[in-house]
Amino acid sequence: MRIRSVVTVLAIALAGLVAGSGTAGAGTATTGPATRAGAASAYCGITWGSAERSAGALSSAPLIAVRTGRHDCFDRVVFEFAGPVDGWSVGYGETWTDGEGLALSPYTAGGALLRVSLRAPAYDDGHLATVPYRVGDHAVNVLRYDTLRDVVFGGSFEGYTTFAVGVRARLPFRVFVLAGPGTHSRIVLDVAHRWQE
């Protein structure tokens, strides 16, 4: 008798579990993984993404400086030019030196590599360099940065200038152009510290 009672209780409990999992399964099907992923809020409200993008046209205004900055939600690289520049292409992947085709990934720190192509030279009309870097030089010090790991000069050839920007991982980024100071212009690259809160 006692065994029959235990079997009955187990059968009822098992039926309840099966019914409960059917309900949970239905609920999961309606919310789905996309909704659950969307429930996690974007880090600092950042919605930039990590897809390759480009804009602008070729310019003859030369690059004159590269700087970096640390911010609460992202790290920043600023490329300053002696004149109006708005042409750039940025995306994750291998970066090669300009004019020579040497891969920069073995020489650039970081878990992911941003390929930065600026549509402007790093030399003047007399073909004299306007920045103090040689191909392969580390252009800035990024010690204590959350995301940036390296900025390596890839050279300048036929009006284009290349940098390999090493970052901690493949993270969201944005690129935009600022006017100034004076007649100068700046192309700004921001890379987020994280994807989600």
Protein backbone atom coordinates (compact mmCIF):
# COMPACT_ATOMS: atom_id res chain seq x y z
CA MET A 1 0.00 0.00 0.00
CA ARG A 2 2.71 2.38 0.98
CA ILE A 3 4.56 1.82 -2.34
CA ARG A 4 1.34 2.54 -4.26
CA SER A 5 1.01 5.91 -2.39
CA VAL A 6 4.59 6.89 -3.19
CA VAL A 7 4.11 5.96 -6.87
CA THR A 8 0.89 8.01 -7.01
CA VAL A 9 2.58 11.05 -5.46
CA LEU A 10 5.51 10.73 -7.89
CA ALA A 11 3.12 10.41 -10.86
CA ILE A 12 1.25 13.57 -9.81
CA ALA A 13 4.52 15.47 -9.29
CA LEU A 14 5.82 14.33 -12.67
CA ALA A 15 2.61 15.39 -14.39
CA GLY A 16 2.92 18.82 -12.77
CA LEU A 17 6.50 19.18 -13.96
CA VAL A 18 5.58 18.22 -17.52
CA ALA A 19 2.67 20.68 -17.54
CA GLY A 20 4.86 23.42 -16.04
CA SER A 21 7.64 22.93 -18.56
CA GLY A 22 5.11 23.09 -21.39
CA THR A 23 3.95 26.47 -20.12
CA ALA A 24 7.51 27.68 -19.66
CA GLY A 25 8.36 26.47 -23.13
CA ALA A 26 5.47 28.44 -24.57
CA GLY A 27 6.61 31.54 -22.71
CA THR A 28 10.15 31.09 -23.92
CA ALA A 29 8.99 30.69 -27.49
CA THR A 30 7.17 34.02 -27.42
CA THR A 31 10.02 35.97 -25.82
CA GLY A 32 12.81 34.21 -27.73
CA PRO A 33 16.56 34.77 -27.43
CA ALA A 34 16.46 38.07 -29.31
CA THR A 35 14.12 39.58 -26.73
CA ARG A 36 16.22 38.28 -23.85
CA ALA A 37 19.37 39.75 -25.45
CA GLY A 38 17.54 43.03 -26.04
CA ALA A 39 16.60 43.13 -22.36
CA ALA A 40 20.26 43.74 -21.48
CA SER A 41 20.76 47.47 -21.71
CA ALA A 42 23.41 48.95 -23.98
CA TYR A 43 26.55 50.12 -22.20
CA CYS A 44 26.22 53.88 -21.60
CA GLY A 45 23.38 53.89 -24.14
CA ILE A 46 25.90 53.19 -26.93
CA THR A 47 24.32 51.78 -30.10
CA TRP A 48 27.25 52.15 -32.51
CA GLY A 49 27.84 48.54 -33.56
CA SER A 50 31.07 47.11 -34.96
CA ALA A 51 30.47 46.88 -38.72
CA GLU A 52 32.94 48.39 -41.18
CA ARG A 53 32.02 51.86 -42.46
CA SER A 54 33.46 54.73 -44.48
CA ALA A 55 32.70 58.28 -45.56
CA GLY A 56 34.11 61.33 -47.30
CA ALA A 57 36.52 62.00 -50.13
CA LEU A 58 40.27 62.24 -50.70
CA SER A 59 41.93 65.44 -49.46
CA SER A 60 45.42 66.93 -49.79
CA ALA A 61 45.46 68.42 -46.26
CA PRO A 62 48.17 66.51 -44.40
CA LEU A 63 47.94 64.70 -41.08
CA ILE A 64 49.87 66.62 -38.42
CA ALA A 65 49.06 64.93 -35.08
CA VAL A 66 47.59 61.84 -33.42
CA ARG A 67 46.25 62.01 -29.87
CA THR A 68 44.24 59.76 -27.57
CA GLY A 69 41.88 60.37 -24.67
CA ARG A 70 40.17 58.34 -21.95
CA HIS A 71 36.46 58.90 -21.32
CA ASP A 72 33.91 57.30 -18.97
CA CYS A 73 32.36 55.03 -21.63
CA PHE A 74 34.94 54.88 -24.43
CA ASP A 75 38.54 55.51 -25.45
CA ARG A 76 39.27 58.03 -28.21
CA VAL A 77 41.83 58.45 -31.00
CA VAL A 78 42.00 61.86 -32.71
CA PHE A 79 43.71 62.42 -36.06
CA GLU A 80 44.33 66.13 -36.74
CA PHE A 81 44.91 67.60 -40.20
CA ALA A 82 46.22 70.96 -41.46
CA GLY A 83 43.07 71.70 -43.44
CA PRO A 84 39.63 70.26 -44.19
CA VAL A 85 39.52 66.44 -44.26
CA ASP A 86 36.42 64.23 -44.12
CA GLY A 87 37.51 60.96 -45.79
CA TRP A 88 38.04 57.77 -43.82
CA SER A 89 37.36 54.03 -43.73
CA VAL A 90 37.40 52.00 -40.48
CA GLY A 91 36.70 48.32 -39.86
CA TYR A 92 37.88 45.29 -37.94
CA GLY A 93 40.45 43.08 -39.67
CA GLU A 94 44.03 42.83 -40.82
CA THR A 95 45.84 46.09 -41.56
CA TRP A 96 48.69 46.34 -44.07
CA THR A 97 51.39 48.96 -44.43
CA ASP A 98 50.80 51.46 -47.25
CA GLY A 99 52.86 50.87 -50.37
CA GLU A 100 54.50 47.72 -49.00
CA GLY A 101 51.69 45.39 -47.92
CA LEU A 102 53.24 44.12 -44.68
CA ALA A 103 50.65 42.83 -42.18
CA LEU A 104 50.64 44.88 -38.97
CA SER A 105 48.83 42.42 -36.69
CA PRO A 106 52.05 40.75 -35.43
CA TYR A 107 53.32 44.18 -34.34
CA THR A 108 50.15 45.61 -32.83
CA ALA A 109 48.99 44.83 -29.27
CA GLY A 110 45.35 43.94 -28.57
CA GLY A 111 42.76 41.21 -28.97
CA ALA A 112 41.24 42.85 -32.08
CA LEU A 113 42.55 45.16 -34.78
CA LEU A 114 40.80 48.19 -36.25
CA ARG A 115 42.00 49.03 -39.76
CA VAL A 116 42.01 52.85 -40.09
CA SER A 117 42.46 54.32 -43.55
CA LEU A 118 42.52 58.12 -43.69
CA ARG A 119 41.90 59.70 -47.09
CA ALA A 120 44.67 62.25 -46.67
CA PRO A 121 48.48 62.10 -46.74
CA ALA A 122 50.96 62.26 -43.87
CA TYR A 123 53.31 64.37 -45.97
CA ASP A 124 53.28 67.86 -47.51
CA ASP A 125 53.43 69.01 -51.14
CA GLY A 126 57.21 68.46 -51.14
CA HIS A 127 56.68 64.86 -49.93
CA LEU A 128 58.22 65.65 -46.53
CA ALA A 129 56.66 63.83 -43.57
CA THR A 130 54.24 65.90 -41.47
CA VAL A 131 54.18 63.46 -38.52
CA PRO A 132 57.20 62.15 -36.60
CA TYR A 133 56.36 58.45 -37.11
CA ARG A 134 57.99 55.88 -39.32
CA VAL A 135 56.16 52.81 -40.59
CA GLY A 136 55.67 50.43 -37.65
CA ASP A 137 56.07 53.10 -34.96
CA HIS A 138 53.72 53.11 -31.98
CA ALA A 139 52.19 56.57 -32.34
CA VAL A 140 50.81 57.06 -28.81
CA ASN A 141 51.11 55.75 -25.26
CA VAL A 142 47.87 53.97 -24.22
CA LEU A 143 48.99 52.76 -20.80
CA ARG A 144 46.01 52.47 -18.37
CA TYR A 145 43.37 52.75 -21.13
CA ASP A 146 40.32 50.51 -20.76
CA THR A 147 39.96 49.59 -24.44
CA LEU A 148 42.88 50.94 -26.50
CA ARG A 149 45.97 48.74 -26.59
CA ASP A 150 48.03 50.24 -29.43
CA VAL A 151 48.07 52.73 -32.31
CA VAL A 152 50.63 51.76 -34.98
CA PHE A 153 51.51 53.89 -38.00
CA GLY A 154 51.12 51.93 -41.23
CA GLY A 155 52.53 54.59 -43.53
CA SER A 156 51.24 57.02 -46.13
CA PHE A 157 51.14 56.36 -49.86
CA GLU A 158 49.40 58.00 -52.83
CA GLY A 159 47.37 60.30 -50.59
CA TYR A 160 46.17 57.65 -48.10
CA THR A 161 47.41 57.14 -44.54
CA THR A 162 46.99 53.93 -42.55
CA PHE A 163 46.95 53.08 -38.84
CA ALA A 164 46.40 49.80 -37.03
CA VAL A 165 44.47 50.47 -33.82
CA GLY A 166 44.73 47.59 -31.38
CA VAL A 167 41.82 47.24 -28.95
CA ARG A 168 40.99 44.84 -26.12
CA ALA A 169 38.28 43.00 -28.10
CA ARG A 170 35.88 43.56 -31.00
CA LEU A 171 33.82 46.37 -29.47
CA PRO A 172 31.41 49.02 -30.79
CA PHE A 173 33.00 52.05 -32.41
CA ARG A 174 32.01 55.31 -34.08
CA VAL A 175 33.85 57.73 -36.36
CA PHE A 176 33.03 61.37 -36.99
CA VAL A 177 34.64 64.59 -38.23
CA LEU A 178 35.13 67.82 -36.27
CA ALA A 179 36.13 71.22 -37.63
CA GLY A 180 38.97 73.12 -35.99
CA PRO A 181 40.99 74.28 -34.29
CA GLY A 182 41.21 77.19 -36.71
CA THR A 183 41.38 75.92 -40.29
CA HIS A 184 42.29 72.41 -39.16
CA SER A 185 39.98 69.40 -39.01
CA ARG A 186 39.91 66.19 -36.97
CA ILE A 187 38.74 62.65 -37.60
CA VAL A 188 37.69 61.10 -34.30
CA LEU A 189 37.51 57.36 -33.55
CA ASP A 190 35.73 56.30 -30.31
CA VAL A 191 35.79 52.65 -29.16
CA ALA A 192 33.43 51.62 -26.36
CA HIS A 193 34.68 49.93 -23.20
CA ARG A 194 31.98 47.24 -23.32
CA TRP A 195 28.93 46.04 -25.28
CA GLN A 196 26.42 45.87 -22.41
CA GLU A 197 25.92 47.14 -18.87
